[in-house]
Amino acid sequence: MKASEALYRQIYNHLLAQIKDGVYEDKRLPTEKEITEQFFVSRITARKALDRLAADGMVVRISGKGTFVRKGKSILPGPAQRQAGMPLIALVMGGYSSSFGMGILNAAIDQAEREGVHIILKNAGNSQAREFRILEDLKRSGVDGIIVQPAHGEIYSQWLINAAFDHYPIVMIDRFLPGIDMPFVGVDNERLSETAANHLIEAGHRNICLVTMEAETASTLKARMEGFKWALNRHKIPVNTDLWLTNLAKRMRDENKNSEEAYAFYTQQIVRHLKAHPEITAVFCTEYLVSRLVYKAIEKSGMRVPEDYSIVGFDGEESGMDEGFLAHVRQPQSRMGEEAVKMVCAMIRGEKPENQHLMLDGEWVEGRSVAEPSPRR
C-alpha cells in the first residue's frame, strides 16, 4: 500500500468517526482545502477521502455547496443490524489526527473485524464532561466493552473509577491513570523521551528547551518530561527549568485552544521565549503539535532548522511535509489499537488478559532537524 493511500484512509476514518459522533449533523464537512491545511496533505489525498465517503453512501457532495452527511440512513450498527451473538465494542478517543490517533483507529477497526465484533468510534474531544456523557450513553445502550483514551483532567474520572470496581470490560489506551486497577495498553513514554533527548545531547547540545502544552494535567506528558530529565542526569547535564516552556495551552484564556488564534498565540509565546534565552540551541517537543509550532516560531524569528536550532519530538507525518525532515520517536499506534481490541474481547469472553498493563516499545525515526550547535552559540 502506498503512503498516500494509507494517509487517505486515515483521513477517511477520521471523518467517518466524526460523522458517527454527530459532529456534522447540521453542517457541512471540511472542504478539500480545509482538509489539506489541517492534515498537511495534497488536494488529491483530501479528495480521495471525501470521494470514498460519498461512494460508501455516508455523504452527499453538492457542487458549489459542499459535502454533507446523507440523511435518513443509519451508519451505526443498531440491534436490528447486528448479527446474532456478534458483540459490539466502542473506541472512545480523546482526539485524533494524522500524526497520532488514526493509526490506532485503523488497527482497531481491522482487529475488530478479525475478532468478529462490531466497533463504534467516539471522540470525547479531550473533555472529561463529554467523555462521561459518552461512556454513560454507551453503557446504557448495551455495548459489550469499551476502549478509552482518558481525557486530561485535574482529577480522575469517577465513571472510570466505578467501572474498575464493577469489573466492566474496559481497557485504557495511551494515558494511564495510576491507582486505578484497569487493563491498559500504552507505550513507555519515559524510555522514548530519553531516546529522543539522547540524540540532541549526543549531537553536542547542552542548553535544551523543553516545550509542553498542558503538562500539569497529563500523566503521559509528565512521563515524557521525566524521561528528558533522566537523559540529562545520565550525561551529567544540570536540569535548568528556566529554559523550559511548559503548560503553553494554559496561557491561552480562550476556551478554543485549537483555534487559529490560539496557534498564533502559542507561536508568539515560543518566539518570545527563545529570544529571552539566546543560549538555547535545541528544542525538545513533547507532542507533534508542539514540534510544528516550534518550527513555525523559529521561522518567524528569522532563524533556521537545524542551522540555528535543532528539534526532536514525538510522532510525525509519515507522508507529507515532514517526511524525512522532523527527527522524532514514533509510537507503535497500530499495535496499541490491535492489542486493546484483543484485550477487551478477551474480557468480554470472561478471560483475564495475560498482561494487565501492556507497555509497548516505540522507535527512533531519523530526520534532518538535528545538527551540531551553531558555532555562533
Protein backbone atom coordinates (compact mmCIF):
# COMPACT_ATOMS: atom_id res chain seq x y z
CA MET A 1 0.00 0.00 0.00
CA LYS A 2 1.35 3.42 -0.97
CA ALA A 3 1.93 6.01 1.77
CA SER A 4 -0.55 8.41 0.11
CA GLU A 5 -3.23 5.72 0.09
CA ALA A 6 -2.61 4.97 3.78
CA LEU A 7 -3.00 8.64 4.63
CA TYR A 8 -6.21 8.98 2.62
CA ARG A 9 -7.64 6.01 4.54
CA GLN A 10 -6.66 7.63 7.84
CA ILE A 11 -8.47 10.86 6.92
CA TYR A 12 -11.46 8.81 5.75
CA ASN A 13 -11.64 7.01 9.12
CA HIS A 14 -11.23 10.30 10.99
CA LEU A 15 -14.14 11.94 9.13
CA LEU A 16 -16.25 8.79 9.38
CA ALA A 17 -15.78 8.71 13.17
CA GLN A 18 -16.84 12.36 13.40
CA ILE A 19 -19.90 11.69 11.26
CA LYS A 20 -20.90 8.83 13.55
CA ASP A 21 -20.35 11.13 16.52
CA GLY A 22 -22.79 13.67 15.08
CA VAL A 23 -20.20 16.40 14.57
CA TYR A 24 -21.52 17.23 11.07
CA GLU A 25 -25.18 16.55 11.67
CA ASP A 26 -26.27 20.12 10.87
CA LYS A 27 -23.29 21.48 8.98
CA ARG A 28 -21.06 20.66 6.04
CA LEU A 29 -17.87 18.63 6.24
CA PRO A 30 -14.49 20.35 5.77
CA THR A 31 -13.67 21.34 2.20
CA GLU A 32 -10.75 19.78 0.30
CA LYS A 33 -8.73 22.94 1.01
CA GLU A 34 -9.52 22.81 4.73
CA ILE A 35 -8.50 19.14 4.89
CA THR A 36 -5.19 19.85 3.14
CA GLU A 37 -4.43 22.59 5.68
CA GLN A 38 -5.50 20.54 8.72
CA PHE A 39 -3.64 17.33 7.82
CA PHE A 40 -0.83 18.76 5.66
CA VAL A 41 -1.74 16.55 2.69
CA SER A 42 -2.25 17.12 -1.02
CA ARG A 43 -5.57 18.16 -2.57
CA ILE A 44 -5.72 14.77 -4.30
CA THR A 45 -5.46 12.92 -0.97
CA ALA A 46 -8.23 15.08 0.54
CA ARG A 47 -10.47 14.50 -2.48
CA LYS A 48 -9.94 10.72 -2.25
CA ALA A 49 -11.12 10.68 1.35
CA LEU A 50 -14.29 12.66 0.57
CA ASP A 51 -14.99 10.65 -2.59
CA ARG A 52 -14.70 7.41 -0.58
CA LEU A 53 -17.25 8.68 1.94
CA ALA A 54 -19.61 9.56 -0.92
CA ALA A 55 -19.09 6.18 -2.59
CA ASP A 56 -19.94 4.44 0.69
CA GLY A 57 -23.20 6.39 0.92
CA MET A 58 -22.19 8.34 4.02
CA VAL A 59 -22.19 11.81 2.46
CA VAL A 60 -23.56 13.75 -0.48
CA ARG A 61 -21.25 16.07 -2.42
CA ILE A 62 -23.09 19.06 -3.92
CA SER A 63 -21.20 21.14 -6.46
CA GLY A 64 -20.70 24.70 -5.24
CA LYS A 65 -22.24 23.92 -1.84
CA GLY A 66 -20.01 21.38 -0.14
CA THR A 67 -20.14 17.88 1.37
CA PHE A 68 -22.98 16.93 3.71
CA VAL A 69 -23.99 13.86 5.75
CA ARG A 70 -26.60 11.79 3.94
CA LYS A 71 -29.91 12.00 5.78
CA GLY A 72 -32.20 9.11 6.55
CA LYS A 73 -29.58 6.37 6.65
CA SER A 74 -28.24 4.72 9.79
CA ILE A 75 -24.47 4.42 9.88
CA LEU A 76 -24.20 2.82 13.31
CA PRO A 77 -24.90 -0.89 13.80
CA GLY A 78 -28.16 -0.94 15.76
CA PRO A 79 -29.71 -4.07 17.32
CA ALA A 80 -31.51 -4.94 14.08
CA GLN A 81 -28.30 -4.70 12.09
CA ARG A 82 -26.08 -6.71 14.43
CA GLN A 83 -25.62 -10.36 13.70
CA ALA A 84 -26.88 -12.74 16.37
CA GLY A 85 -24.26 -13.12 19.08
CA MET A 86 -21.91 -10.59 17.48
CA PRO A 87 -20.51 -8.32 20.25
CA LEU A 88 -20.39 -4.56 19.98
CA ILE A 89 -17.44 -2.58 21.36
CA ALA A 90 -16.67 1.13 21.39
CA LEU A 91 -13.42 3.06 20.97
CA VAL A 92 -13.53 6.44 22.73
CA MET A 93 -10.62 8.70 21.81
CA GLY A 94 -9.67 11.99 23.42
CA GLY A 95 -8.87 13.19 19.92
CA TYR A 96 -7.08 12.02 16.80
CA SER A 97 -5.18 13.39 13.83
CA SER A 98 -3.00 12.17 11.00
CA SER A 99 0.06 12.30 13.30
CA PHE A 100 -1.44 10.45 16.26
CA GLY A 101 -4.66 8.54 16.72
CA MET A 102 -5.55 7.46 13.22
CA GLY A 103 -3.05 4.60 13.35
CA ILE A 104 -4.87 3.36 16.45
CA LEU A 105 -8.27 3.74 14.75
CA ASN A 106 -7.26 1.87 11.60
CA ALA A 107 -5.71 -1.02 13.51
CA ALA A 108 -8.65 -1.24 15.93
CA ILE A 109 -11.12 -1.41 13.03
CA ASP A 110 -9.10 -4.15 11.30
CA GLN A 111 -8.63 -6.15 14.52
CA ALA A 112 -12.34 -5.86 15.39
CA GLU A 113 -13.15 -7.41 12.02
CA ARG A 114 -10.72 -10.26 12.70
CA GLU A 115 -12.26 -10.78 16.16
CA GLY A 116 -15.77 -10.82 14.70
CA VAL A 117 -17.08 -7.79 16.61
CA HIS A 118 -18.70 -4.51 15.63
CA ILE A 119 -16.91 -1.32 16.67
CA ILE A 120 -18.22 2.21 17.27
CA LEU A 121 -15.87 5.21 17.22
CA LYS A 122 -16.41 8.19 19.54
CA ASN A 123 -14.46 11.43 20.05
CA ALA A 124 -14.55 12.92 23.56
CA GLY A 125 -12.62 15.99 22.44
CA ASN A 126 -10.33 15.60 25.47
CA SER A 127 -13.22 16.80 27.68
CA GLN A 128 -13.98 14.87 30.85
CA ALA A 129 -17.59 16.10 30.85
CA ARG A 130 -18.15 14.94 27.28
CA GLU A 131 -16.29 11.69 27.98
CA PHE A 132 -18.61 10.99 30.93
CA ARG A 133 -21.73 11.50 28.77
CA ILE A 134 -20.37 9.29 26.00
CA LEU A 135 -19.40 6.47 28.38
CA GLU A 136 -22.77 6.64 30.15
CA ASP A 137 -24.66 6.50 26.85
CA LEU A 138 -22.55 3.61 25.58
CA LYS A 139 -23.03 1.51 28.69
CA ARG A 140 -26.76 2.30 28.78
CA SER A 141 -27.11 1.29 25.14
CA GLY A 142 -25.67 -2.13 25.94
CA VAL A 143 -22.22 -2.13 24.34
CA ASP A 144 -20.28 -5.20 25.41
CA GLY A 145 -16.95 -3.47 26.04
CA ILE A 146 -15.18 -0.12 25.77
CA ILE A 147 -11.66 1.04 24.88
CA VAL A 148 -10.98 4.58 26.11
CA GLN A 149 -8.19 7.11 25.88
CA PRO A 150 -8.89 9.01 29.13
CA ALA A 151 -9.34 12.76 28.84
CA HIS A 152 -6.90 15.03 30.66
CA GLY A 153 -8.23 16.37 33.95
CA GLU A 154 -7.23 17.70 37.36
CA ILE A 155 -9.00 14.71 38.99
CA TYR A 156 -9.73 11.17 37.87
CA SER A 157 -12.93 10.33 36.04
CA GLN A 158 -15.47 8.97 38.53
CA TRP A 159 -17.02 6.90 35.75
CA LEU A 160 -13.74 5.06 35.14
CA ILE A 161 -13.23 4.50 38.85
CA ASN A 162 -16.72 2.98 39.14
CA ALA A 163 -16.17 0.85 36.03
CA ALA A 164 -12.99 -0.58 37.56
CA PHE A 165 -14.86 -1.58 40.74
CA ASP A 166 -17.71 -3.10 38.70
CA HIS A 167 -15.25 -5.17 36.59
CA TYR A 168 -16.84 -3.81 33.41
CA PRO A 169 -14.96 -4.83 30.23
CA ILE A 170 -12.98 -1.65 29.65
CA VAL A 171 -9.40 -1.03 28.53
CA MET A 172 -7.46 2.24 28.76
CA ILE A 173 -5.05 3.19 25.99
CA ASP A 174 -2.25 5.78 25.72
CA ARG A 175 -2.99 7.55 29.02
CA PHE A 176 -2.58 5.59 32.23
CA LEU A 177 -4.32 6.58 35.46
CA PRO A 178 -2.15 5.35 38.37
CA GLY A 179 -4.12 3.77 41.18
CA ILE A 180 -6.99 2.52 39.00
CA ASP A 181 -6.88 -1.26 38.59
CA MET A 182 -7.87 -1.40 34.93
CA PRO A 183 -6.24 -3.06 31.88
CA PHE A 184 -4.03 -0.66 29.96
CA VAL A 185 -2.19 -0.59 26.62
CA GLY A 186 0.37 2.14 26.06
CA VAL A 187 3.99 2.96 25.44
CA ASP A 188 6.99 3.50 27.71
CA ASN A 189 6.97 7.30 27.40
CA GLU A 190 9.90 7.80 29.76
CA ARG A 191 12.11 5.48 27.73
CA LEU A 192 11.03 7.00 24.40
CA SER A 193 11.60 10.50 25.73
CA GLU A 194 15.08 9.58 26.94
CA THR A 195 15.87 8.16 23.50
CA ALA A 196 14.85 11.41 21.77
CA ALA A 197 16.76 13.60 24.24
CA ASN A 198 19.88 11.45 23.86
CA HIS A 199 20.07 12.30 20.16
CA LEU A 200 20.20 16.02 20.95
CA ILE A 201 22.79 15.52 23.69
CA GLU A 202 24.97 13.27 21.51
CA ALA A 203 24.88 15.96 18.81
CA GLY A 204 26.52 18.31 21.31
CA HIS A 205 23.55 20.25 22.72
CA ARG A 206 23.54 21.22 26.39
CA ASN A 207 21.13 24.16 26.60
CA ILE A 208 17.91 22.43 25.54
CA CYS A 209 14.46 23.95 25.79
CA LEU A 210 11.59 21.58 26.66
CA VAL A 211 8.13 22.66 25.44
CA THR A 212 4.79 21.15 26.52
CA MET A 213 1.13 22.06 26.09
CA GLU A 214 -0.57 21.03 29.37
CA ALA A 215 1.88 19.01 31.44
CA GLU A 216 0.16 19.56 34.79
CA THR A 217 -2.90 17.50 33.85
CA ALA A 218 -1.37 14.84 31.61
CA SER A 219 0.38 11.77 33.04
CA THR A 220 1.74 10.99 29.57
CA LEU A 221 3.46 14.37 29.28
CA LYS A 222 4.77 14.13 32.84
CA ALA A 223 6.40 10.81 31.93
CA ARG A 224 8.00 12.38 28.86
CA MET A 225 9.37 15.20 30.99
CA GLU A 226 10.81 12.64 33.42
CA GLY A 227 12.49 10.79 30.55
CA PHE A 228 14.01 14.06 29.36
CA LYS A 229 15.43 14.72 32.83
CA TRP A 230 16.81 11.18 33.00
CA ALA A 231 18.76 11.78 29.81
CA LEU A 232 20.25 15.00 31.21
CA ASN A 233 21.15 13.35 34.51
CA ARG A 234 22.86 10.38 32.87
CA HIS A 235 25.01 12.76 30.83
CA LYS A 236 25.69 14.85 33.98
CA ILE A 237 23.98 17.91 32.49
CA PRO A 238 22.24 20.19 35.04
CA VAL A 239 18.43 20.35 34.72
CA ASN A 240 17.77 24.03 34.02
CA THR A 241 13.98 24.51 34.06
CA ASP A 242 14.46 28.23 33.30
CA LEU A 243 14.98 27.13 29.70
CA TRP A 244 11.68 25.21 29.64
CA LEU A 245 8.35 26.48 28.29
CA THR A 246 5.66 24.35 29.93
CA ASN A 247 1.86 24.37 30.03
CA LEU A 248 1.74 26.50 26.90
CA ALA A 249 -2.01 25.97 26.45
CA LYS A 250 -2.76 27.19 29.98
CA ARG A 251 -1.51 30.62 28.96
CA MET A 252 -4.35 30.84 26.43
CA ARG A 253 -7.53 32.14 28.04
CA ASP A 254 -9.71 31.43 25.01
CA GLU A 255 -11.71 28.23 25.55
CA ASN A 256 -10.99 27.11 22.00
CA LYS A 257 -7.36 26.19 22.43
CA ASN A 258 -7.17 24.63 18.96
CA SER A 259 -8.22 27.73 17.01
CA GLU A 260 -6.05 29.61 14.54
CA GLU A 261 -5.96 32.48 17.06
CA ALA A 262 -4.66 30.09 19.71
CA TYR A 263 -1.94 28.70 17.41
CA ALA A 264 -0.79 32.24 16.60
CA PHE A 265 -0.65 32.97 20.34
CA TYR A 266 1.41 29.83 21.04
CA THR A 267 3.83 30.67 18.26
CA GLN A 268 4.29 34.17 19.66
CA GLN A 269 4.97 32.77 23.13
CA ILE A 270 7.66 30.43 21.75
CA VAL A 271 9.33 33.25 19.79
CA ARG A 272 9.48 35.40 22.93
CA HIS A 273 10.91 32.55 25.00
CA LEU A 274 13.66 31.75 22.50
CA LYS A 275 14.63 35.42 22.23
CA ALA A 276 14.73 35.69 26.02
CA HIS A 277 17.12 32.72 26.18
CA PRO A 278 19.68 33.09 23.38
CA GLU A 279 21.74 30.29 24.94
CA ILE A 280 19.17 27.70 23.78
CA THR A 281 20.43 25.64 20.82
CA ALA A 282 17.84 22.87 20.65
CA VAL A 283 14.18 22.23 21.46
CA PHE A 284 12.66 19.02 22.82
CA CYS A 285 8.94 18.82 21.98
CA THR A 286 6.64 16.54 23.96
CA GLU A 287 3.95 16.41 21.23
CA TYR A 288 3.74 16.60 17.47
CA LEU A 289 1.67 19.81 17.53
CA VAL A 290 4.39 21.41 19.65
CA SER A 291 7.02 20.40 17.09
CA ARG A 292 5.12 22.18 14.32
CA LEU A 293 4.55 25.28 16.46
CA VAL A 294 8.23 25.44 17.41
CA TYR A 295 9.30 25.06 13.78
CA LYS A 296 6.93 27.88 12.77
CA ALA A 297 8.21 30.08 15.61
CA ILE A 298 11.83 29.56 14.59
CA GLU A 299 11.00 30.50 11.01
CA LYS A 300 9.08 33.56 12.20
CA SER A 301 12.08 34.72 14.24
CA GLY A 302 14.27 34.61 11.13
CA MET A 303 16.20 31.52 12.24
CA ARG A 304 16.54 28.10 10.59
CA VAL A 305 16.28 24.42 11.48
CA PRO A 306 18.74 22.78 12.05
CA GLU A 307 21.31 25.52 11.34
CA ASP A 308 20.24 27.65 14.32
CA TYR A 309 18.04 25.29 16.34
CA SER A 310 17.70 21.52 16.36
CA ILE A 311 14.30 19.92 17.03
CA VAL A 312 13.18 16.47 18.18
CA GLY A 313 9.68 15.43 19.15
CA PHE A 314 7.04 12.73 19.37
CA ASP A 315 5.37 11.29 16.28
CA GLY A 316 5.15 12.93 12.88
CA GLU A 317 3.65 12.75 9.41
CA GLU A 318 4.84 9.65 7.62
CA SER A 319 3.64 11.10 4.33
CA GLY A 320 3.64 14.83 3.74
CA MET A 321 5.65 17.92 4.68
CA ASP A 322 7.63 16.28 7.47
CA GLU A 323 8.67 13.09 5.75
CA GLY A 324 12.41 12.68 6.26
CA PHE A 325 12.79 16.06 7.96
CA LEU A 326 11.50 16.01 11.54
CA ALA A 327 13.53 13.71 13.79
CA HIS A 328 11.19 12.05 16.27
CA VAL A 329 10.26 8.98 18.26
CA ARG A 330 7.33 7.07 16.79
CA GLN A 331 4.74 5.38 18.97
CA PRO A 332 3.51 1.90 17.89
CA GLN A 333 -0.02 3.06 17.18
CA SER A 334 -1.08 0.01 15.18
CA ARG A 335 -0.07 -2.38 17.94
CA MET A 336 -1.86 -0.22 20.50
CA GLY A 337 -5.11 -0.49 18.56
CA GLU A 338 -4.72 -4.21 17.91
CA GLU A 339 -3.77 -5.17 21.47
CA ALA A 340 -6.53 -3.05 23.02
CA VAL A 341 -9.18 -4.77 20.89
CA LYS A 342 -7.72 -8.20 21.70
CA MET A 343 -7.73 -7.35 25.40
CA VAL A 344 -11.31 -6.07 25.60
CA CYS A 345 -12.58 -9.03 23.54
CA ALA A 346 -10.85 -11.43 25.93
CA MET A 347 -12.58 -9.69 28.84
CA ILE A 348 -15.97 -9.99 27.10
CA ARG A 349 -15.35 -13.74 26.79
CA GLY A 350 -14.71 -13.87 30.53
CA GLU A 351 -10.96 -14.34 30.14
CA LYS A 352 -8.37 -12.43 32.11
CA PRO A 353 -5.79 -10.63 29.92
CA GLU A 354 -2.34 -12.23 30.13
CA ASN A 355 -0.78 -8.82 30.76
CA GLN A 356 -2.99 -6.26 32.52
CA HIS A 357 -0.56 -3.42 31.77
CA LEU A 358 1.00 -3.79 28.35
CA MET A 359 3.80 -1.30 27.70
CA LEU A 360 4.98 -1.25 24.08
CA ASP A 361 8.28 -0.02 22.69
CA GLY A 362 8.45 2.76 20.12
CA GLU A 363 11.26 3.59 17.70
CA TRP A 364 13.55 6.43 16.72
CA VAL A 365 12.97 7.97 13.28
CA GLU A 366 15.95 9.78 11.80
CA GLY A 367 15.42 13.25 10.36
CA ARG A 368 17.25 16.33 9.14
CA SER A 369 16.14 18.51 12.07
CA VAL A 370 19.16 17.63 14.26
CA ALA A 371 22.66 19.05 13.81
CA GLU A 372 25.58 20.19 15.97
CA PRO A 373 25.08 23.52 17.77
CA SER A 374 25.78 26.55 15.63
CA PRO A 375 29.34 27.96 16.12
CA ARG A 376 27.89 31.38 16.96
CA ARG A 377 26.34 29.80 20.03
